[in-house]
Amino acid sequence: MRLIILIVWTFSLSACTAMVVGGGGKSTTTSSNPTMHRAADTALRTEIRNKLAAHPELSMFDVDVTVSRGFVTLTGEVQGYKAREAAEKIAMSADGVGGVKNRITVTASK
């Protein structure tokens, strides 16, 4: 009898915890709040652009970064496939990225 009461009490408490912490068990990462997504996307874009600017073969002016709901699209022109791959790796390394679409074109060296 004590075991049944303990199990029911434990489940009751975990349901309360989910309501208090996650809003009724709903995950905050799948929120449909557009303001939350815009803020997270802006932070991701800024982080990626800063890392691109710090890379010796890249410039944040060569590569444009757009982010929508955690998915990154890279566009622009770079000189060489190594630079293209480096930009993609930088984007993938940012925390919170769901995927990267690399549309960067490679141009001949000047």
N, C-alpha and C. Protein backbone atom coordinates (compact mmCIF):
# COMPACT_ATOMS: atom_id res chain seq x y z
N MET A 1 0.82 -1.19 0.00
CA MET A 1 0.00 0.00 0.00
C MET A 1 0.87 1.26 0.00
N ARG A 2 1.93 1.26 0.81
CA ARG A 2 2.82 2.42 0.87
C ARG A 2 3.52 2.63 -0.47
N LEU A 3 3.87 1.54 -1.14
CA LEU A 3 4.55 1.64 -2.41
C LEU A 3 3.64 2.30 -3.46
N ILE A 4 2.38 1.95 -3.49
CA ILE A 4 1.44 2.53 -4.45
C ILE A 4 1.27 4.02 -4.18
N ILE A 5 1.16 4.40 -2.93
CA ILE A 5 1.02 5.81 -2.59
C ILE A 5 2.27 6.58 -2.98
N LEU A 6 3.43 5.99 -2.75
CA LEU A 6 4.69 6.64 -3.11
C LEU A 6 4.79 6.83 -4.62
N ILE A 7 4.40 5.83 -5.40
CA ILE A 7 4.46 5.93 -6.86
C ILE A 7 3.51 7.01 -7.36
N VAL A 8 2.28 7.03 -6.86
CA VAL A 8 1.31 8.04 -7.27
C VAL A 8 1.80 9.42 -6.88
N TRP A 9 2.33 9.57 -5.70
CA TRP A 9 2.83 10.87 -5.23
C TRP A 9 4.00 11.33 -6.10
N THR A 10 4.90 10.41 -6.47
CA THR A 10 6.04 10.74 -7.32
C THR A 10 5.57 11.23 -8.68
N PHE A 11 4.61 10.53 -9.29
CA PHE A 11 4.09 10.95 -10.59
C PHE A 11 3.39 12.30 -10.49
N SER A 12 2.71 12.54 -9.41
CA SER A 12 2.03 13.82 -9.22
C SER A 12 3.04 14.96 -9.15
N LEU A 13 4.12 14.73 -8.42
CA LEU A 13 5.15 15.77 -8.31
C LEU A 13 5.85 16.01 -9.64
N SER A 14 6.13 14.96 -10.41
CA SER A 14 6.80 15.19 -11.68
C SER A 14 5.90 15.90 -12.66
N ALA A 15 4.60 15.72 -12.59
CA ALA A 15 3.68 16.46 -13.44
C ALA A 15 3.68 17.94 -13.06
N CYS A 16 3.74 18.23 -11.77
CA CYS A 16 3.79 19.62 -11.32
C CYS A 16 5.08 20.27 -11.76
N THR A 17 6.17 19.53 -11.67
CA THR A 17 7.46 20.08 -12.09
C THR A 17 7.43 20.43 -13.57
N ALA A 18 6.84 19.57 -14.38
CA ALA A 18 6.76 19.84 -15.81
C ALA A 18 5.94 21.10 -16.08
N MET A 19 4.87 21.29 -15.32
CA MET A 19 4.04 22.47 -15.52
C MET A 19 4.78 23.74 -15.12
N VAL A 20 5.51 23.68 -14.01
CA VAL A 20 6.20 24.87 -13.53
C VAL A 20 7.40 25.20 -14.42
N VAL A 21 8.20 24.19 -14.76
CA VAL A 21 9.42 24.42 -15.51
C VAL A 21 9.14 24.59 -17.00
N GLY A 22 8.35 23.73 -17.58
CA GLY A 22 8.20 23.74 -19.03
C GLY A 22 6.86 24.22 -19.53
N GLY A 23 6.03 24.77 -18.72
CA GLY A 23 4.75 25.26 -19.19
C GLY A 23 3.79 24.14 -19.53
N GLY A 24 3.55 23.25 -18.58
CA GLY A 24 2.59 22.18 -18.82
C GLY A 24 3.17 21.04 -19.64
N GLY A 25 4.46 20.87 -19.56
CA GLY A 25 5.10 19.78 -20.28
C GLY A 25 5.49 20.15 -21.70
N LYS A 26 5.15 21.35 -22.16
CA LYS A 26 5.49 21.78 -23.51
C LYS A 26 6.93 22.26 -23.54
N SER A 27 7.68 21.77 -24.49
CA SER A 27 9.08 22.17 -24.62
C SER A 27 9.18 23.60 -25.12
N THR A 28 10.06 24.39 -24.50
CA THR A 28 10.22 25.77 -24.92
C THR A 28 11.02 25.87 -26.21
N THR A 29 11.72 24.81 -26.61
CA THR A 29 12.51 24.87 -27.83
C THR A 29 11.63 24.75 -29.08
N THR A 30 10.42 24.22 -28.93
CA THR A 30 9.54 24.10 -30.08
C THR A 30 8.44 25.15 -30.02
N SER A 31 8.69 26.20 -29.31
CA SER A 31 7.72 27.26 -29.17
C SER A 31 7.41 27.90 -30.51
N SER A 32 6.17 28.36 -30.65
CA SER A 32 5.79 29.04 -31.88
C SER A 32 5.92 30.55 -31.71
N ASN A 33 6.58 31.00 -30.66
CA ASN A 33 6.77 32.42 -30.40
C ASN A 33 7.77 32.99 -31.41
N PRO A 34 7.30 33.82 -32.36
CA PRO A 34 8.21 34.34 -33.38
C PRO A 34 9.30 35.24 -32.82
N THR A 35 9.01 35.96 -31.75
CA THR A 35 10.01 36.84 -31.16
C THR A 35 11.17 36.04 -30.61
N MET A 36 10.87 34.90 -29.98
CA MET A 36 11.92 34.03 -29.42
C MET A 36 12.80 33.49 -30.55
N HIS A 37 12.18 33.08 -31.65
CA HIS A 37 12.95 32.55 -32.79
C HIS A 37 13.83 33.64 -33.40
N ARG A 38 13.28 34.84 -33.55
CA ARG A 38 14.08 35.93 -34.13
C ARG A 38 15.29 36.25 -33.28
N ALA A 39 15.09 36.27 -31.97
CA ALA A 39 16.22 36.57 -31.07
C ALA A 39 17.28 35.48 -31.15
N ALA A 40 16.86 34.23 -31.15
CA ALA A 40 17.82 33.13 -31.25
C ALA A 40 18.52 33.14 -32.60
N ASP A 41 17.77 33.40 -33.66
CA ASP A 41 18.36 33.46 -35.00
C ASP A 41 19.36 34.60 -35.13
N THR A 42 19.03 35.74 -34.55
CA THR A 42 19.93 36.89 -34.59
C THR A 42 21.22 36.59 -33.84
N ALA A 43 21.11 35.94 -32.70
CA ALA A 43 22.30 35.58 -31.93
C ALA A 43 23.17 34.59 -32.70
N LEU A 44 22.54 33.61 -33.35
CA LEU A 44 23.29 32.64 -34.15
C LEU A 44 24.00 33.34 -35.31
N ARG A 45 23.29 34.21 -35.99
CA ARG A 45 23.87 34.93 -37.14
C ARG A 45 25.08 35.75 -36.69
N THR A 46 24.94 36.43 -35.57
CA THR A 46 26.05 37.25 -35.05
C THR A 46 27.25 36.38 -34.70
N GLU A 47 27.01 35.26 -34.04
CA GLU A 47 28.10 34.36 -33.66
C GLU A 47 28.84 33.84 -34.90
N ILE A 48 28.09 33.43 -35.90
CA ILE A 48 28.70 32.88 -37.12
C ILE A 48 29.48 33.97 -37.86
N ARG A 49 28.89 35.17 -37.99
CA ARG A 49 29.58 36.26 -38.69
C ARG A 49 30.88 36.65 -37.97
N ASN A 50 30.86 36.65 -36.65
CA ASN A 50 32.09 36.97 -35.89
C ASN A 50 33.18 35.92 -36.12
N LYS A 51 32.78 34.65 -36.17
CA LYS A 51 33.75 33.58 -36.43
C LYS A 51 34.28 33.66 -37.85
N LEU A 52 33.43 34.01 -38.81
CA LEU A 52 33.88 34.18 -40.19
C LEU A 52 34.89 35.31 -40.29
N ALA A 53 34.62 36.40 -39.59
CA ALA A 53 35.51 37.56 -39.61
C ALA A 53 36.88 37.24 -39.02
N ALA A 54 36.93 36.32 -38.08
CA ALA A 54 38.18 35.96 -37.42
C ALA A 54 38.99 34.95 -38.23
N HIS A 55 38.37 34.33 -39.22
CA HIS A 55 39.07 33.30 -40.01
C HIS A 55 39.98 33.97 -41.04
N PRO A 56 41.24 33.49 -41.16
CA PRO A 56 42.19 34.16 -42.06
C PRO A 56 41.84 34.09 -43.55
N GLU A 57 41.10 33.07 -43.98
CA GLU A 57 40.77 32.92 -45.39
C GLU A 57 39.39 33.48 -45.74
N LEU A 58 38.67 33.94 -44.75
CA LEU A 58 37.29 34.38 -44.98
C LEU A 58 37.09 35.81 -44.50
N SER A 59 36.01 36.36 -44.94
CA SER A 59 35.59 37.67 -44.47
C SER A 59 34.09 37.64 -44.32
N MET A 60 33.59 38.32 -43.32
CA MET A 60 32.14 38.37 -43.16
C MET A 60 31.51 39.17 -44.30
N PHE A 61 32.34 39.86 -45.09
CA PHE A 61 31.83 40.61 -46.24
C PHE A 61 31.74 39.72 -47.48
N ASP A 62 32.47 38.60 -47.50
CA ASP A 62 32.42 37.65 -48.62
C ASP A 62 31.25 36.69 -48.50
N VAL A 63 30.85 36.40 -47.28
CA VAL A 63 29.81 35.40 -47.03
C VAL A 63 28.64 36.05 -46.31
N ASP A 64 27.45 35.86 -46.87
CA ASP A 64 26.24 36.35 -46.21
C ASP A 64 25.62 35.20 -45.44
N VAL A 65 25.17 35.48 -44.24
CA VAL A 65 24.60 34.47 -43.37
C VAL A 65 23.15 34.83 -43.08
N THR A 66 22.24 33.91 -43.37
CA THR A 66 20.85 34.07 -42.97
C THR A 66 20.47 32.88 -42.10
N VAL A 67 19.65 33.14 -41.10
CA VAL A 67 19.24 32.09 -40.18
C VAL A 67 17.73 32.16 -40.01
N SER A 68 17.09 31.02 -40.13
CA SER A 68 15.65 30.92 -39.91
C SER A 68 15.36 29.68 -39.08
N ARG A 69 14.89 29.91 -37.86
CA ARG A 69 14.56 28.82 -36.93
C ARG A 69 15.71 27.85 -36.73
N GLY A 70 16.93 28.40 -36.67
CA GLY A 70 18.11 27.59 -36.39
C GLY A 70 18.78 27.01 -37.62
N PHE A 71 18.17 27.17 -38.79
CA PHE A 71 18.77 26.65 -40.01
C PHE A 71 19.48 27.78 -40.74
N VAL A 72 20.73 27.53 -41.09
CA VAL A 72 21.62 28.56 -41.63
C VAL A 72 21.76 28.38 -43.14
N THR A 73 21.71 29.50 -43.86
CA THR A 73 22.01 29.50 -45.29
C THR A 73 23.19 30.43 -45.51
N LEU A 74 24.21 29.90 -46.18
CA LEU A 74 25.39 30.67 -46.50
C LEU A 74 25.38 30.98 -47.99
N THR A 75 25.59 32.25 -48.36
CA THR A 75 25.69 32.65 -49.76
C THR A 75 26.88 33.58 -49.90
N GLY A 76 27.30 33.79 -51.13
CA GLY A 76 28.41 34.69 -51.40
C GLY A 76 29.45 34.03 -52.26
N GLU A 77 30.61 34.66 -52.35
CA GLU A 77 31.70 34.15 -53.17
C GLU A 77 32.99 34.14 -52.36
N VAL A 78 33.72 33.03 -52.51
CA VAL A 78 35.04 32.91 -51.86
C VAL A 78 36.04 32.41 -52.90
N GLN A 79 37.30 32.55 -52.60
CA GLN A 79 38.35 32.10 -53.51
C GLN A 79 38.92 30.78 -53.01
N GLY A 80 38.36 29.70 -53.46
CA GLY A 80 38.88 28.39 -53.11
C GLY A 80 37.88 27.54 -52.34
N TYR A 81 37.99 26.22 -52.58
CA TYR A 81 37.09 25.28 -51.92
C TYR A 81 37.37 25.15 -50.43
N LYS A 82 38.62 25.35 -50.03
CA LYS A 82 38.95 25.29 -48.60
C LYS A 82 38.20 26.38 -47.84
N ALA A 83 38.12 27.56 -48.41
CA ALA A 83 37.40 28.66 -47.76
C ALA A 83 35.90 28.34 -47.68
N ARG A 84 35.37 27.74 -48.74
CA ARG A 84 33.95 27.36 -48.75
C ARG A 84 33.65 26.34 -47.65
N GLU A 85 34.51 25.33 -47.55
CA GLU A 85 34.35 24.30 -46.53
C GLU A 85 34.53 24.88 -45.13
N ALA A 86 35.49 25.80 -44.98
CA ALA A 86 35.73 26.42 -43.68
C ALA A 86 34.49 27.19 -43.22
N ALA A 87 33.85 27.91 -44.13
CA ALA A 87 32.65 28.66 -43.78
C ALA A 87 31.54 27.72 -43.30
N GLU A 88 31.39 26.60 -43.97
CA GLU A 88 30.37 25.63 -43.59
C GLU A 88 30.68 25.03 -42.21
N LYS A 89 31.94 24.69 -41.97
CA LYS A 89 32.32 24.13 -40.67
C LYS A 89 32.10 25.14 -39.55
N ILE A 90 32.39 26.41 -39.82
CA ILE A 90 32.16 27.45 -38.82
C ILE A 90 30.68 27.54 -38.48
N ALA A 91 29.85 27.53 -39.51
CA ALA A 91 28.40 27.61 -39.28
C ALA A 91 27.90 26.40 -38.50
N MET A 92 28.37 25.22 -38.85
CA MET A 92 27.93 23.99 -38.16
C MET A 92 28.38 23.97 -36.71
N SER A 93 29.49 24.64 -36.40
CA SER A 93 30.03 24.58 -35.05
C SER A 93 29.28 25.47 -34.06
N ALA A 94 28.46 26.37 -34.57
CA ALA A 94 27.72 27.27 -33.68
C ALA A 94 26.64 26.49 -32.92
N ASP A 95 26.55 26.76 -31.64
CA ASP A 95 25.59 26.05 -30.79
C ASP A 95 24.16 26.44 -31.17
N GLY A 96 23.33 25.45 -31.44
CA GLY A 96 21.93 25.69 -31.76
C GLY A 96 21.60 25.61 -33.23
N VAL A 97 22.59 25.31 -34.07
CA VAL A 97 22.35 25.21 -35.50
C VAL A 97 21.69 23.87 -35.82
N GLY A 98 20.58 23.94 -36.55
CA GLY A 98 19.87 22.72 -36.93
C GLY A 98 20.34 22.14 -38.24
N GLY A 99 20.98 22.95 -39.05
CA GLY A 99 21.49 22.50 -40.34
C GLY A 99 22.05 23.69 -41.11
N VAL A 100 22.86 23.38 -42.12
CA VAL A 100 23.49 24.42 -42.92
C VAL A 100 23.29 24.12 -44.39
N LYS A 101 22.81 25.11 -45.12
CA LYS A 101 22.70 25.03 -46.57
C LYS A 101 23.81 25.93 -47.12
N ASN A 102 24.80 25.31 -47.76
CA ASN A 102 25.95 26.05 -48.25
C ASN A 102 25.76 26.37 -49.72
N ARG A 103 25.44 27.63 -50.02
CA ARG A 103 25.26 28.10 -51.40
C ARG A 103 26.38 29.04 -51.83
N ILE A 104 27.51 28.93 -51.18
CA ILE A 104 28.66 29.77 -51.51
C ILE A 104 29.27 29.29 -52.82
N THR A 105 29.59 30.23 -53.70
CA THR A 105 30.24 29.88 -54.95
C THR A 105 31.74 30.15 -54.83
N VAL A 106 32.51 29.36 -55.56
CA VAL A 106 33.96 29.50 -55.57
C VAL A 106 34.37 30.21 -56.85
N THR A 107 35.14 31.29 -56.70
CA THR A 107 35.62 32.04 -57.86
C THR A 107 37.10 31.80 -58.05
N ALA A 108 37.58 32.12 -59.22
CA ALA A 108 39.00 31.97 -59.51
C ALA A 108 39.78 33.02 -58.73
N SER A 109 41.00 32.67 -58.38
CA SER A 109 41.86 33.61 -57.65
C SER A 109 42.13 34.84 -58.49
N LYS A 110 42.22 35.99 -57.82
CA LYS A 110 42.49 37.25 -58.52
C LYS A 110 43.96 37.43 -58.74
